[in-house]
Amino acid sequence: MFVRLANQHRQFVQDLVMNLQALATVLERQGYLASCYTCGDQMNSASFMVSLGENHLIRFLVSDYGITWTEMRDDRELMKLEGAEAISQLQELANLVKFQVKPADQQLTLANTAR
């Protein structure tokens, strides 16, 4: 059972890394500064970052050790989430991109919408 769960987790992380790479590409095409770096060919970890406007930064980290979402403005941490909550917040960002809403133009930050 545990071997099966470990394999499922590895596949989940790889899928998440591939989606982060795609999201970074879409954001770059829309004019945002975005990047997604992976370590090695096995795609078992990634560091995703996007600047949503003046001094507004999102950092999403995924690895076998965990998943974190950090949102910062003016070099201050607004919000830090882990696990499922971090993935839900990533979905909010993806929805903004999908519906072509400019996050920097919104009255509320992503941190305010999560509360």
PDB file of N, CA and C in Angstrom:
ATOM      1  N   MET A   1       0.815  -1.192   0.000  1.00  0.00           N
ATOM      2  CA  MET A   1       0.000   0.000   0.000  1.00  0.00           C
ATOM      3  C   MET A   1       0.868   1.270   0.000  1.00  0.00           C
ATOM      4  N   PHE A   2       1.918   1.286   0.807  1.00  0.00           N
ATOM      5  CA  PHE A   2       2.731   2.493   0.923  1.00  0.00           C
ATOM      6  C   PHE A   2       3.526   2.779  -0.346  1.00  0.00           C
ATOM      7  N   VAL A   3       3.956   1.725  -1.024  1.00  0.00           N
ATOM      8  CA  VAL A   3       4.665   1.913  -2.289  1.00  0.00           C
ATOM      9  C   VAL A   3       3.724   2.541  -3.307  1.00  0.00           C
ATOM     10  N   ARG A   4       2.485   2.070  -3.338  1.00  0.00           N
ATOM     11  CA  ARG A   4       1.493   2.638  -4.259  1.00  0.00           C
ATOM     12  C   ARG A   4       1.246   4.105  -3.942  1.00  0.00           C
ATOM     13  N   LEU A   5       1.117   4.448  -2.675  1.00  0.00           N
ATOM     14  CA  LEU A   5       0.909   5.848  -2.284  1.00  0.00           C
ATOM     15  C   LEU A   5       2.109   6.716  -2.639  1.00  0.00           C
ATOM     16  N   ALA A   6       3.300   6.197  -2.450  1.00  0.00           N
ATOM     17  CA  ALA A   6       4.506   6.951  -2.808  1.00  0.00           C
ATOM     18  C   ALA A   6       4.549   7.215  -4.308  1.00  0.00           C
ATOM     19  N   ASN A   7       4.200   6.220  -5.103  1.00  0.00           N
ATOM     20  CA  ASN A   7       4.181   6.404  -6.556  1.00  0.00           C
ATOM     21  C   ASN A   7       3.115   7.404  -6.978  1.00  0.00           C
ATOM     22  N   GLN A   8       1.954   7.359  -6.351  1.00  0.00           N
ATOM     23  CA  GLN A   8       0.893   8.326  -6.651  1.00  0.00           C
ATOM     24  C   GLN A   8       1.344   9.738  -6.301  1.00  0.00           C
ATOM     25  N   HIS A   9       2.024   9.880  -5.176  1.00  0.00           N
ATOM     26  CA  HIS A   9       2.513  11.202  -4.771  1.00  0.00           C
ATOM     27  C   HIS A   9       3.543  11.725  -5.765  1.00  0.00           C
ATOM     28  N   ARG A  10       4.467  10.882  -6.206  1.00  0.00           N
ATOM     29  CA  ARG A  10       5.454  11.299  -7.197  1.00  0.00           C
ATOM     30  C   ARG A  10       4.782  11.761  -8.477  1.00  0.00           C
ATOM     31  N   GLN A  11       3.762  11.025  -8.921  1.00  0.00           N
ATOM     32  CA  GLN A  11       3.039  11.393 -10.144  1.00  0.00           C
ATOM     33  C   GLN A  11       2.308  12.715  -9.956  1.00  0.00           C
ATOM     34  N   PHE A  12       1.707  12.913  -8.781  1.00  0.00           N
ATOM     35  CA  PHE A  12       1.022  14.163  -8.469  1.00  0.00           C
ATOM     36  C   PHE A  12       1.992  15.344  -8.548  1.00  0.00           C
ATOM     37  N   VAL A  13       3.169  15.196  -7.947  1.00  0.00           N
ATOM     38  CA  VAL A  13       4.166  16.275  -7.963  1.00  0.00           C
ATOM     39  C   VAL A  13       4.609  16.549  -9.391  1.00  0.00           C
ATOM     40  N   GLN A  14       4.840  15.517 -10.180  1.00  0.00           N
ATOM     41  CA  GLN A  14       5.244  15.717 -11.573  1.00  0.00           C
ATOM     42  C   GLN A  14       4.153  16.440 -12.365  1.00  0.00           C
ATOM     43  N   ASP A  15       2.899  16.068 -12.160  1.00  0.00           N
ATOM     44  CA  ASP A  15       1.793  16.750 -12.841  1.00  0.00           C
ATOM     45  C   ASP A  15       1.727  18.214 -12.435  1.00  0.00           C
ATOM     46  N   LEU A  16       1.909  18.475 -11.155  1.00  0.00           N
ATOM     47  CA  LEU A  16       1.875  19.847 -10.656  1.00  0.00           C
ATOM     48  C   LEU A  16       3.016  20.666 -11.256  1.00  0.00           C
ATOM     49  N   VAL A  17       4.196  20.083 -11.353  1.00  0.00           N
ATOM     50  CA  VAL A  17       5.345  20.781 -11.941  1.00  0.00           C
ATOM     51  C   VAL A  17       5.068  21.123 -13.400  1.00  0.00           C
ATOM     52  N   MET A  18       4.516  20.177 -14.153  1.00  0.00           N
ATOM     53  CA  MET A  18       4.206  20.443 -15.565  1.00  0.00           C
ATOM     54  C   MET A  18       3.184  21.568 -15.698  1.00  0.00           C
ATOM     55  N   ASN A  19       2.189  21.592 -14.820  1.00  0.00           N
ATOM     56  CA  ASN A  19       1.192  22.653 -14.856  1.00  0.00           C
ATOM     57  C   ASN A  19       1.782  24.002 -14.471  1.00  0.00           C
ATOM     58  N   LEU A  20       2.717  24.011 -13.543  1.00  0.00           N
ATOM     59  CA  LEU A  20       3.393  25.262 -13.184  1.00  0.00           C
ATOM     60  C   LEU A  20       4.197  25.803 -14.358  1.00  0.00           C
ATOM     61  N   GLN A  21       4.856  24.923 -15.081  1.00  0.00           N
ATOM     62  CA  GLN A  21       5.617  25.357 -16.251  1.00  0.00           C
ATOM     63  C   GLN A  21       4.681  25.970 -17.302  1.00  0.00           C
ATOM     64  N   ALA A  22       3.544  25.334 -17.512  1.00  0.00           N
ATOM     65  CA  ALA A  22       2.575  25.859 -18.486  1.00  0.00           C
ATOM     66  C   ALA A  22       2.021  27.202 -18.028  1.00  0.00           C
ATOM     67  N   LEU A  23       1.715  27.324 -16.740  1.00  0.00           N
ATOM     68  CA  LEU A  23       1.191  28.582 -16.209  1.00  0.00           C
ATOM     69  C   LEU A  23       2.212  29.704 -16.369  1.00  0.00           C
ATOM     70  N   ALA A  24       3.476  29.417 -16.111  1.00  0.00           N
ATOM     71  CA  ALA A  24       4.526  30.427 -16.279  1.00  0.00           C
ATOM     72  C   ALA A  24       4.610  30.881 -17.729  1.00  0.00           C
ATOM     73  N   THR A  25       4.491  29.954 -18.658  1.00  0.00           N
ATOM     74  CA  THR A  25       4.536  30.298 -20.084  1.00  0.00           C
ATOM     75  C   THR A  25       3.368  31.198 -20.465  1.00  0.00           C
ATOM     76  N   VAL A  26       2.175  30.856 -20.005  1.00  0.00           N
ATOM     77  CA  VAL A  26       0.985  31.666 -20.313  1.00  0.00           C
ATOM     78  C   VAL A  26       1.123  33.060 -19.716  1.00  0.00           C
ATOM     79  N   LEU A  27       1.579  33.135 -18.475  1.00  0.00           N
ATOM     80  CA  LEU A  27       1.755  34.437 -17.835  1.00  0.00           C
ATOM     81  C   LEU A  27       2.782  35.290 -18.569  1.00  0.00           C
ATOM     82  N   GLU A  28       3.872  34.680 -18.996  1.00  0.00           N
ATOM     83  CA  GLU A  28       4.887  35.419 -19.759  1.00  0.00           C
ATOM     84  C   GLU A  28       4.299  35.972 -21.053  1.00  0.00           C
ATOM     85  N   ARG A  29       3.485  35.182 -21.728  1.00  0.00           N
ATOM     86  CA  ARG A  29       2.855  35.632 -22.970  1.00  0.00           C
ATOM     87  C   ARG A  29       1.892  36.786 -22.735  1.00  0.00           C
ATOM     88  N   GLN A  30       1.345  36.870 -21.532  1.00  0.00           N
ATOM     89  CA  GLN A  30       0.443  37.960 -21.204  1.00  0.00           C
ATOM     90  C   GLN A  30       1.187  39.173 -20.647  1.00  0.00           C
ATOM     91  N   GLY A  31       2.504  39.110 -20.626  1.00  0.00           N
ATOM     92  CA  GLY A  31       3.291  40.268 -20.242  1.00  0.00           C
ATOM     93  C   GLY A  31       3.758  40.310 -18.801  1.00  0.00           C
ATOM     94  N   TYR A  32       3.538  39.244 -18.049  1.00  0.00           N
ATOM     95  CA  TYR A  32       3.997  39.206 -16.662  1.00  0.00           C
ATOM     96  C   TYR A  32       5.425  38.655 -16.608  1.00  0.00           C
ATOM     97  N   LEU A  33       6.157  39.041 -15.586  1.00  0.00           N
ATOM     98  CA  LEU A  33       7.454  38.428 -15.320  1.00  0.00           C
ATOM     99  C   LEU A  33       7.171  37.153 -14.542  1.00  0.00           C
ATOM    100  N   ALA A  34       7.412  36.010 -15.166  1.00  0.00           N
ATOM    101  CA  ALA A  34       7.115  34.724 -14.540  1.00  0.00           C
ATOM    102  C   ALA A  34       8.214  33.735 -14.874  1.00  0.00           C
ATOM    103  N   SER A  35       8.458  32.807 -13.953  1.00  0.00           N
ATOM    104  CA  SER A  35       9.450  31.775 -14.200  1.00  0.00           C
ATOM    105  C   SER A  35       9.074  30.510 -13.444  1.00  0.00           C
ATOM    106  N   CYS A  36       9.543  29.391 -13.952  1.00  0.00           N
ATOM    107  CA  CYS A  36       9.374  28.113 -13.276  1.00  0.00           C
ATOM    108  C   CYS A  36      10.650  27.315 -13.484  1.00  0.00           C
ATOM    109  N   TYR A  37      11.350  27.061 -12.407  1.00  0.00           N
ATOM    110  CA  TYR A  37      12.598  26.312 -12.470  1.00  0.00           C
ATOM    111  C   TYR A  37      12.400  24.949 -11.844  1.00  0.00           C
ATOM    112  N   THR A  38      12.963  23.933 -12.482  1.00  0.00           N
ATOM    113  CA  THR A  38      12.913  22.580 -11.948  1.00  0.00           C
ATOM    114  C   THR A  38      14.330  22.105 -11.685  1.00  0.00           C
ATOM    115  N   CYS A  39      14.428  21.119 -10.831  1.00  0.00           N
ATOM    116  CA  CYS A  39      15.723  20.536 -10.517  1.00  0.00           C
ATOM    117  C   CYS A  39      15.813  19.171 -11.189  1.00  0.00           C
ATOM    118  N   GLY A  40      16.677  19.031 -12.140  1.00  0.00           N
ATOM    119  CA  GLY A  40      16.867  17.744 -12.802  1.00  0.00           C
ATOM    120  C   GLY A  40      15.792  17.412 -13.806  1.00  0.00           C
ATOM    121  N   ASP A  41      15.918  16.223 -14.378  1.00  0.00           N
ATOM    122  CA  ASP A  41      14.997  15.777 -15.416  1.00  0.00           C
ATOM    123  C   ASP A  41      13.772  15.052 -14.862  1.00  0.00           C
ATOM    124  N   GLN A  42      13.797  14.695 -13.602  1.00  0.00           N
ATOM    125  CA  GLN A  42      12.714  13.887 -13.053  1.00  0.00           C
ATOM    126  C   GLN A  42      11.490  14.705 -12.660  1.00  0.00           C
ATOM    127  N   MET A  43      11.586  16.013 -12.706  1.00  0.00           N
ATOM    128  CA  MET A  43      10.470  16.916 -12.416  1.00  0.00           C
ATOM    129  C   MET A  43       9.840  16.615 -11.052  1.00  0.00           C
ATOM    130  N   ASN A  44      10.692  16.431 -10.030  1.00  0.00           N
ATOM    131  CA  ASN A  44      10.163  16.133  -8.702  1.00  0.00           C
ATOM    132  C   ASN A  44      10.158  17.345  -7.781  1.00  0.00           C
ATOM    133  N   SER A  45      10.508  18.528  -8.338  1.00  0.00           N
ATOM    134  CA  SER A  45      10.414  19.765  -7.566  1.00  0.00           C
ATOM    135  C   SER A  45      10.444  20.946  -8.523  1.00  0.00           C
ATOM    136  N   ALA A  46       9.878  22.062  -8.053  1.00  0.00           N
ATOM    137  CA  ALA A  46       9.865  23.269  -8.881  1.00  0.00           C
ATOM    138  C   ALA A  46       9.740  24.499  -8.002  1.00  0.00           C
ATOM    139  N   SER A  47      10.256  25.588  -8.538  1.00  0.00           N
ATOM    140  CA  SER A  47      10.101  26.904  -7.935  1.00  0.00           C
ATOM    141  C   SER A  47       9.441  27.796  -8.984  1.00  0.00           C
ATOM    142  N   PHE A  48       8.238  28.250  -8.695  1.00  0.00           N
ATOM    143  CA  PHE A  48       7.460  29.090  -9.599  1.00  0.00           C
ATOM    144  C   PHE A  48       7.366  30.470  -8.980  1.00  0.00           C
ATOM    145  N   MET A  49       7.619  31.505  -9.782  1.00  0.00           N
ATOM    146  CA  MET A  49       7.491  32.872  -9.294  1.00  0.00           C
ATOM    147  C   MET A  49       6.844  33.728 -10.366  1.00  0.00           C
ATOM    148  N   VAL A  50       6.017  34.687  -9.926  1.00  0.00           N
ATOM    149  CA  VAL A  50       5.404  35.632 -10.852  1.00  0.00           C
ATOM    150  C   VAL A  50       5.257  36.974 -10.150  1.00  0.00           C
ATOM    151  N   SER A  51       5.563  38.022 -10.886  1.00  0.00           N
ATOM    152  CA  SER A  51       5.360  39.382 -10.406  1.00  0.00           C
ATOM    153  C   SER A  51       4.022  39.862 -10.958  1.00  0.00           C
ATOM    154  N   LEU A  52       3.102  40.212 -10.066  1.00  0.00           N
ATOM    155  CA  LEU A  52       1.762  40.638 -10.478  1.00  0.00           C
ATOM    156  C   LEU A  52       1.631  42.147 -10.584  1.00  0.00           C
ATOM    157  N   GLY A  53       2.692  42.831 -10.379  1.00  0.00           N
ATOM    158  CA  GLY A  53       2.661  44.285 -10.465  1.00  0.00           C
ATOM    159  C   GLY A  53       3.753  44.854  -9.592  1.00  0.00           C
ATOM    160  N   GLU A  54       3.646  46.126  -9.358  1.00  0.00           N
ATOM    161  CA  GLU A  54       4.675  46.822  -8.598  1.00  0.00           C
ATOM    162  C   GLU A  54       4.823  46.225  -7.201  1.00  0.00           C
ATOM    163  N   ASN A  55       5.968  45.599  -6.962  1.00  0.00           N
ATOM    164  CA  ASN A  55       6.317  45.018  -5.658  1.00  0.00           C
ATOM    165  C   ASN A  55       5.317  43.980  -5.161  1.00  0.00           C
ATOM    166  N   HIS A  56       4.647  43.265  -6.064  1.00  0.00           N
ATOM    167  CA  HIS A  56       3.682  42.223  -5.698  1.00  0.00           C
ATOM    168  C   HIS A  56       4.158  40.908  -6.306  1.00  0.00           C
ATOM    169  N   LEU A  57       4.585  39.974  -5.457  1.00  0.00           N
ATOM    170  CA  LEU A  57       5.234  38.755  -5.910  1.00  0.00           C
ATOM    171  C   LEU A  57       4.546  37.526  -5.331  1.00  0.00           C
ATOM    172  N   ILE A  58       4.406  36.507  -6.171  1.00  0.00           N
ATOM    173  CA  ILE A  58       3.892  35.207  -5.752  1.00  0.00           C
ATOM    174  C   ILE A  58       5.014  34.196  -5.925  1.00  0.00           C
ATOM    175  N   ARG A  59       5.219  33.362  -4.912  1.00  0.00           N
ATOM    176  CA  ARG A  59       6.195  32.281  -5.002  1.00  0.00           C
ATOM    177  C   ARG A  59       5.488  30.985  -4.613  1.00  0.00           C
ATOM    178  N   PHE A  60       5.601  29.984  -5.474  1.00  0.00           N
ATOM    179  CA  PHE A  60       4.988  28.683  -5.227  1.00  0.00           C
ATOM    180  C   PHE A  60       6.079  27.636  -5.335  1.00  0.00           C
ATOM    181  N   LEU A  61       6.281  26.882  -4.283  1.00  0.00           N
ATOM    182  CA  LEU A  61       7.310  25.846  -4.263  1.00  0.00           C
ATOM    183  C   LEU A  61       6.651  24.485  -4.110  1.00  0.00           C
ATOM    184  N   VAL A  62       7.123  23.524  -4.879  1.00  0.00           N
ATOM    185  CA  VAL A  62       6.612  22.158  -4.771  1.00  0.00           C
ATOM    186  C   VAL A  62       7.795  21.196  -4.794  1.00  0.00           C
ATOM    187  N   SER A  63       7.739  20.204  -3.913  1.00  0.00           N
ATOM    188  CA  SER A  63       8.757  19.158  -3.882  1.00  0.00           C
ATOM    189  C   SER A  63       8.157  17.961  -3.147  1.00  0.00           C
ATOM    190  N   ASP A  64       8.955  16.917  -3.016  1.00  0.00           N
ATOM    191  CA  ASP A  64       8.505  15.757  -2.244  1.00  0.00           C
ATOM    192  C   ASP A  64       8.280  16.109  -0.775  1.00  0.00           C
ATOM    193  N   TYR A  65       8.851  17.214  -0.336  1.00  0.00           N
ATOM    194  CA  TYR A  65       8.760  17.596   1.066  1.00  0.00           C
ATOM    195  C   TYR A  65       7.546  18.457   1.387  1.00  0.00           C
ATOM    196  N   GLY A  66       6.931  19.028   0.370  1.00  0.00           N
ATOM    197  CA  GLY A  66       5.761  19.849   0.629  1.00  0.00           C
ATOM    198  C   GLY A  66       5.477  20.843  -0.474  1.00  0.00           C
ATOM    199  N   ILE A  67       4.408  21.586  -0.262  1.00  0.00           N
ATOM    200  CA  ILE A  67       3.930  22.573  -1.225  1.00  0.00           C
ATOM    201  C   ILE A  67       3.648  23.856  -0.451  1.00  0.00           C
ATOM    202  N   THR A  68       4.193  24.976  -0.925  1.00  0.00           N
ATOM    203  CA  THR A  68       3.929  26.256  -0.259  1.00  0.00           C
ATOM    204  C   THR A  68       3.620  27.348  -1.273  1.00  0.00           C
ATOM    205  N   TRP A  69       2.750  28.242  -0.868  1.00  0.00           N
ATOM    206  CA  TRP A  69       2.374  29.448  -1.618  1.00  0.00           C
ATOM    207  C   TRP A  69       2.735  30.610  -0.716  1.00  0.00           C
ATOM    208  N   THR A  70       3.502  31.556  -1.236  1.00  0.00           N
ATOM    209  CA  THR A  70       3.829  32.760  -0.474  1.00  0.00           C
ATOM    210  C   THR A  70       3.510  33.955  -1.346  1.00  0.00           C
ATOM    211  N   GLU A  71       2.740  34.879  -0.787  1.00  0.00           N
ATOM    212  CA  GLU A  71       2.415  36.116  -1.493  1.00  0.00           C
ATOM    213  C   GLU A  71       3.042  37.270  -0.728  1.00  0.00           C
ATOM    214  N   MET A  72       3.787  38.116  -1.457  1.00  0.00           N
ATOM    215  CA  MET A  72       4.503  39.219  -0.826  1.00  0.00           C
ATOM    216  C   MET A  72       4.211  40.521  -1.548  1.00  0.00           C
ATOM    217  N   ARG A  73       4.202  41.586  -0.791  1.00  0.00           N
ATOM    218  CA  ARG A  73       4.081  42.926  -1.347  1.00  0.00           C
ATOM    219  C   ARG A  73       5.043  43.814  -0.570  1.00  0.00           C
ATOM    220  N   ASP A  74       5.807  44.603  -1.315  1.00  0.00           N
ATOM    221  CA  ASP A  74       6.813  45.487  -0.703  1.00  0.00           C
ATOM    222  C   ASP A  74       7.742  44.711   0.229  1.00  0.00           C
ATOM    223  N   ASP A  75       8.166  43.531  -0.212  1.00  0.00           N
ATOM    224  CA  ASP A  75       9.087  42.661   0.538  1.00  0.00           C
ATOM    225  C   ASP A  75       8.535  42.194   1.880  1.00  0.00           C
ATOM    226  N   ARG A  76       7.223  42.289   2.065  1.00  0.00           N
ATOM    227  CA  ARG A  76       6.596  41.780   3.285  1.00  0.00           C
ATOM    228  C   ARG A  76       5.661  40.638   2.922  1.00  0.00           C
ATOM    229  N   GLU A  77       5.699  39.612   3.718  1.00  0.00           N
ATOM    230  CA  GLU A  77       4.864  38.452   3.474  1.00  0.00           C
ATOM    231  C   GLU A  77       3.417  38.767   3.848  1.00  0.00           C
ATOM    232  N   LEU A  78       2.522  38.647   2.875  1.00  0.00           N
ATOM    233  CA  LEU A  78       1.095  38.852   3.127  1.00  0.00           C
ATOM    234  C   LEU A  78       0.415  37.566   3.556  1.00  0.00           C
ATOM    235  N   MET A  79       0.839  36.476   2.920  1.00  0.00           N
ATOM    236  CA  MET A  79       0.162  35.213   3.159  1.00  0.00           C
ATOM    237  C   MET A  79       1.108  34.070   2.828  1.00  0.00           C
ATOM    238  N   LYS A  80       1.056  33.034   3.646  1.00  0.00           N
ATOM    239  CA  LYS A  80       1.804  31.809   3.367  1.00  0.00           C
ATOM    240  C   LYS A  80       0.868  30.638   3.628  1.00  0.00           C
ATOM    241  N   LEU A  81       0.707  29.808   2.606  1.00  0.00           N
ATOM    242  CA  LEU A  81      -0.171  28.652   2.702  1.00  0.00           C
ATOM    243  C   LEU A  81       0.605  27.399   2.349  1.00  0.00           C
ATOM    244  N   GLU A  82       0.121  26.273   2.838  1.00  0.00           N
ATOM    245  CA  GLU A  82       0.771  25.002   2.541  1.00  0.00           C
ATOM    246  C   GLU A  82      -0.262  23.982   2.096  1.00  0.00           C
ATOM    247  N   GLY A  83       0.199  22.977   1.377  1.00  0.00           N
ATOM    248  CA  GLY A  83      -0.637  21.847   0.988  1.00  0.00           C
ATOM    249  C   GLY A  83      -1.817  22.220   0.113  1.00  0.00           C
ATOM    250  N   ALA A  84      -2.987  21.674   0.474  1.00  0.00           N
ATOM    251  CA  ALA A  84      -4.201  21.874  -0.319  1.00  0.00           C
ATOM    252  C   ALA A  84      -4.591  23.349  -0.410  1.00  0.00           C
ATOM    253  N   GLU A  85      -4.378  24.110   0.658  1.00  0.00           N
ATOM    254  CA  GLU A  85      -4.703  25.538   0.626  1.00  0.00           C
ATOM    255  C   GLU A  85      -3.827  26.268  -0.392  1.00  0.00           C
ATOM    256  N   ALA A  86      -2.567  25.882  -0.481  1.00  0.00           N
ATOM    257  CA  ALA A  86      -1.654  26.493  -1.447  1.00  0.00           C
ATOM    258  C   ALA A  86      -2.101  26.180  -2.873  1.00  0.00           C
ATOM    259  N   ILE A  87      -2.521  24.953  -3.103  1.00  0.00           N
ATOM    260  CA  ILE A  87      -2.977  24.560  -4.433  1.00  0.00           C
ATOM    261  C   ILE A  87      -4.271  25.289  -4.786  1.00  0.00           C
ATOM    262  N   SER A  88      -5.157  25.474  -3.824  1.00  0.00           N
ATOM    263  CA  SER A  88      -6.393  26.228  -4.074  1.00  0.00           C
ATOM    264  C   SER A  88      -6.086  27.663  -4.474  1.00  0.00           C
ATOM    265  N   GLN A  89      -5.114  28.272  -3.826  1.00  0.00           N
ATOM    266  CA  GLN A  89      -4.735  29.642  -4.168  1.00  0.00           C
ATOM    267  C   GLN A  89      -4.103  29.701  -5.556  1.00  0.00           C
ATOM    268  N   LEU A  90      -3.345  28.673  -5.911  1.00  0.00           N
ATOM    269  CA  LEU A  90      -2.778  28.578  -7.253  1.00  0.00           C
ATOM    270  C   LEU A  90      -3.900  28.493  -8.291  1.00  0.00           C
ATOM    271  N   GLN A  91      -4.970  27.782  -7.952  1.00  0.00           N
ATOM    272  CA  GLN A  91      -6.126  27.699  -8.854  1.00  0.00           C
ATOM    273  C   GLN A  91      -6.751  29.071  -9.047  1.00  0.00           C
ATOM    274  N   GLU A  92      -6.808  29.877  -8.005  1.00  0.00           N
ATOM    275  CA  GLU A  92      -7.328  31.248  -8.126  1.00  0.00           C
ATOM    276  C   GLU A  92      -6.498  32.058  -9.115  1.00  0.00           C
ATOM    277  N   LEU A  93      -5.185  31.903  -9.025  1.00  0.00           N
ATOM    278  CA  LEU A  93      -4.303  32.595  -9.969  1.00  0.00           C
ATOM    279  C   LEU A  93      -4.554  32.092 -11.388  1.00  0.00           C
ATOM    280  N   ALA A  94      -4.660  30.784 -11.544  1.00  0.00           N
ATOM    281  CA  ALA A  94      -4.926  30.211 -12.867  1.00  0.00           C
ATOM    282  C   ALA A  94      -6.261  30.698 -13.424  1.00  0.00           C
ATOM    283  N   ASN A  95      -7.265  30.844 -12.561  1.00  0.00           N
ATOM    284  CA  ASN A  95      -8.566  31.363 -13.008  1.00  0.00           C
ATOM    285  C   ASN A  95      -8.456  32.798 -13.491  1.00  0.00           C
ATOM    286  N   LEU A  96      -7.661  33.609 -12.808  1.00  0.00           N
ATOM    287  CA  LEU A  96      -7.452  34.991 -13.243  1.00  0.00           C
ATOM    288  C   LEU A  96      -6.839  35.024 -14.638  1.00  0.00           C
ATOM    289  N   VAL A  97      -5.894  34.119 -14.866  1.00  0.00           N
ATOM    290  CA  VAL A  97      -5.248  34.040 -16.179  1.00  0.00           C
ATOM    291  C   VAL A  97      -6.243  33.527 -17.212  1.00  0.00           C
ATOM    292  N   LYS A  98      -6.986  32.514 -16.837  1.00  0.00           N
ATOM    293  CA  LYS A  98      -7.944  31.896 -17.757  1.00  0.00           C
ATOM    294  C   LYS A  98      -8.984  32.902 -18.245  1.00  0.00           C
ATOM    295  N   PHE A  99      -9.462  33.728 -17.335  1.00  0.00           N
ATOM    296  CA  PHE A  99     -10.482  34.709 -17.688  1.00  0.00           C
ATOM    297  C   PHE A  99      -9.870  36.057 -18.058  1.00  0.00           C
ATOM    298  N   GLN A 100      -8.539  36.078 -18.203  1.00  0.00           N
ATOM    299  CA  GLN A 100      -7.770  37.237 -18.636  1.00  0.00           C
ATOM    300  C   GLN A 100      -8.038  38.480 -17.798  1.00  0.00           C
ATOM    301  N   VAL A 101      -8.179  38.275 -16.495  1.00  0.00           N
ATOM    302  CA  VAL A 101      -8.291  39.384 -15.554  1.00  0.00           C
ATOM    303  C   VAL A 101      -6.880  39.750 -15.141  1.00  0.00           C
ATOM    304  N   LYS A 102      -6.553  41.015 -15.222  1.00  0.00           N
ATOM    305  CA  LYS A 102      -5.225  41.462 -14.808  1.00  0.00           C
ATOM    306  C   LYS A 102      -5.186  41.534 -13.287  1.00  0.00           C
ATOM    307  N   PRO A 103      -4.432  40.636 -12.619  1.00  0.00           N
ATOM    308  CA  PRO A 103      -4.390  40.641 -11.159  1.00  0.00           C
ATOM    309  C   PRO A 103      -3.973  41.983 -10.585  1.00  0.00           C
ATOM    310  N   ALA A 104      -3.059  42.684 -11.232  1.00  0.00           N
ATOM    311  CA  ALA A 104      -2.585  43.968 -10.710  1.00  0.00           C
ATOM    312  C   ALA A 104      -3.674  45.031 -10.773  1.00  0.00           C
ATOM    313  N   ASP A 105      -4.681  44.854 -11.643  1.00  0.00           N
ATOM    314  CA  ASP A 105      -5.750  45.833 -11.786  1.00  0.00           C
ATOM    315  C   ASP A 105      -6.873  45.643 -10.766  1.00  0.00           C
ATOM    316  N   GLN A 106      -6.862  44.537 -10.061  1.00  0.00           N
ATOM    317  CA  GLN A 106      -7.926  44.277  -9.104  1.00  0.00           C
ATOM    318  C   GLN A 106      -7.775  45.149  -7.871  1.00  0.00           C
ATOM    319  N   GLN A 107      -8.909  45.459  -7.263  1.00  0.00           N
ATOM    320  CA  GLN A 107      -8.902  46.233  -6.027  1.00  0.00           C
ATOM    321  C   GLN A 107      -8.310  45.409  -4.884  1.00  0.00           C
ATOM    322  N   LEU A 108      -8.592  44.097  -4.892  1.00  0.00           N
ATOM    323  CA  LEU A 108      -8.144  43.223  -3.811  1.00  0.00           C
ATOM    324  C   LEU A 108      -6.963  42.389  -4.271  1.00  0.00           C
ATOM    325  N   THR A 109      -6.066  42.094  -3.378  1.00  0.00           N
ATOM    326  CA  THR A 109      -4.987  41.177  -3.706  1.00  0.00           C
ATOM    327  C   THR A 109      -5.512  39.758  -3.575  1.00  0.00           C
ATOM    328  N   LEU A 110      -4.772  38.794  -4.051  1.00  0.00           N
ATOM    329  CA  LEU A 110      -5.160  37.409  -3.890  1.00  0.00           C
ATOM    330  C   LEU A 110      -5.245  37.055  -2.417  1.00  0.00           C
ATOM    331  N   ALA A 111      -4.405  37.668  -1.594  1.00  0.00           N
ATOM    332  CA  ALA A 111      -4.444  37.390  -0.168  1.00  0.00           C
ATOM    333  C   ALA A 111      -5.776  37.809   0.432  1.00  0.00           C
ATOM    334  N   ASN A 112      -6.323  38.924   0.005  1.00  0.00           N
ATOM    335  CA  ASN A 112      -7.592  39.388   0.552  1.00  0.00           C
ATOM    336  C   ASN A 112      -8.757  38.525   0.103  1.00  0.00           C
ATOM    337  N   THR A 113      -8.688  37.931  -1.076  1.00  0.00           N
ATOM    338  CA  THR A 113      -9.787  37.111  -1.552  1.00  0.00           C
ATOM    339  C   THR A 113      -9.837  35.778  -0.849  1.00  0.00           C
ATOM    340  N   ALA A 114      -8.728  35.356  -0.283  1.00  0.00           N
ATOM    341  CA  ALA A 114      -8.682  34.050   0.391  1.00  0.00           C
ATOM    342  C   ALA A 114      -9.294  34.112   1.775  1.00  0.00           C
ATOM    343  N   ARG A 115      -9.494  35.286   2.296  1.00  0.00           N
ATOM    344  CA  ARG A 115     -10.002  35.407   3.682  1.00  0.00           C
ATOM    345  C   ARG A 115     -11.476  35.593   3.724  1.00  0.00           C
TER     346      ARG A 115
END
